Amino acid sequence: MENLPEGALEVRQFPSGASNLTYLVKIGEWEGVLRRPPLGPIPPKAHDMGRESALLGKLNAAYPLAPTPYFFTDDEGVIGAPFYVMERRKGVVIDDSFPEGVEPDEELCRGLSRMVAETLAELHAVDPEGAGLGDLGKPEGFLERQVKGWISRYEKARTDDVPVAGPLSDYLERGIPESPQPTIIHNDFKLNNLILSPDDLTEVRAVLDWEMTTVGDPLFDLAVSMSYWVEPGDSRALKAVLPTVTATPGFLSREEFMAYYGEKSGRDVSGMDWYLVLGYFKLAGILQQIYARWKAGQTQDERFASFGERVTTLVEHANELAGTSSSSNGL
């Protein structure tokens, strides 16, 4: 963006999110959204604001649900960290509750479910080369790197002993499947990363949080999304990991969601068991890294105090899935 309007600058932090920090910035009637890395030490190459801004600049033309970036700076003298500013898309974000006055009947819940699946399938239909993002990732060996990387991150950030983590790691390493044709993948696709129309909650206006986007296995992206998708019959502990409205009766189950995604994308989703295990393990690894930073005093956000228990829940749940998968496959 070449010129900002003159006037007093107003800044307000958006409260949600446990990774990059996001702020609403206003000058008069003009509004934008500022993204910067989290406070405290961060892993090398993580939270790359320049990469995220450049990605959005190309992706927006092929996938308009990705917001348009205005500008990026790596001058840490401005706010103490690199950051970029993008357009603000107004709407509703649904997390662990519905907007006031909304009664979630079955029609709404199933409509929301289908919208989320369709939005993911539409992203996976974007041609990486055509969008100028063919060099965004390294599809060859993608799943092998994911398995190795998340096991390593989990171990480096480990604070508590979860006995089943070892067998779970073995399961993931020995069962890596052959990936389908690579696509652009979001890598953190979930309901509360979507901005919805207040007039029709089944209409999506934007997809947010593109920091982990790459080119890779679309079924991995689907599994990551399913790791956030809670069902009414899930355990109380699993529902408490990251509370979401998808536990409301009427939403598609994970199996129904994956089948619908398969229908819309044309991809075979019959071999999702291993992917789901990896999806839960990845989520455990993310929360473990955040919990380790909290436990070391590198962040004071008390939301993260319970993340240790949530990590244990996820690892144990993934291990149960792995056992079921192994049994059904005769392993």
Foldseek 3Di string as FASTA:
>chain_A
DPDDDDADKDWDWDPDDLFWTKIWIDGVPDIKIKTWTDFFDDDPPARDQVLQLVVLCLVCVQQVQRWHWDDWDQPCVPPNGTMTITHDDDADFFFQDDPPPDDDDLVQQALQLLLLLLSLLSQQPGDCVVSVNPVFADAVCVLVCLLVVLLVLCVVLDDDDQPCSVVLSVLLNVDDDDADQKGWAQLQRERRQFGAHPVRRSHTRHGDDRRPIGIYGSLLNLLLHLQSQDDLPDDPLSCVLGPGPNNPPNHDHSVRSQVSSCVSNVDDCPPSLSSNLSSLSSVLSVLSNSLSCVVVVSDVPCVSPCSVSSSSVSNVVSSVSSVVVCVVVVD
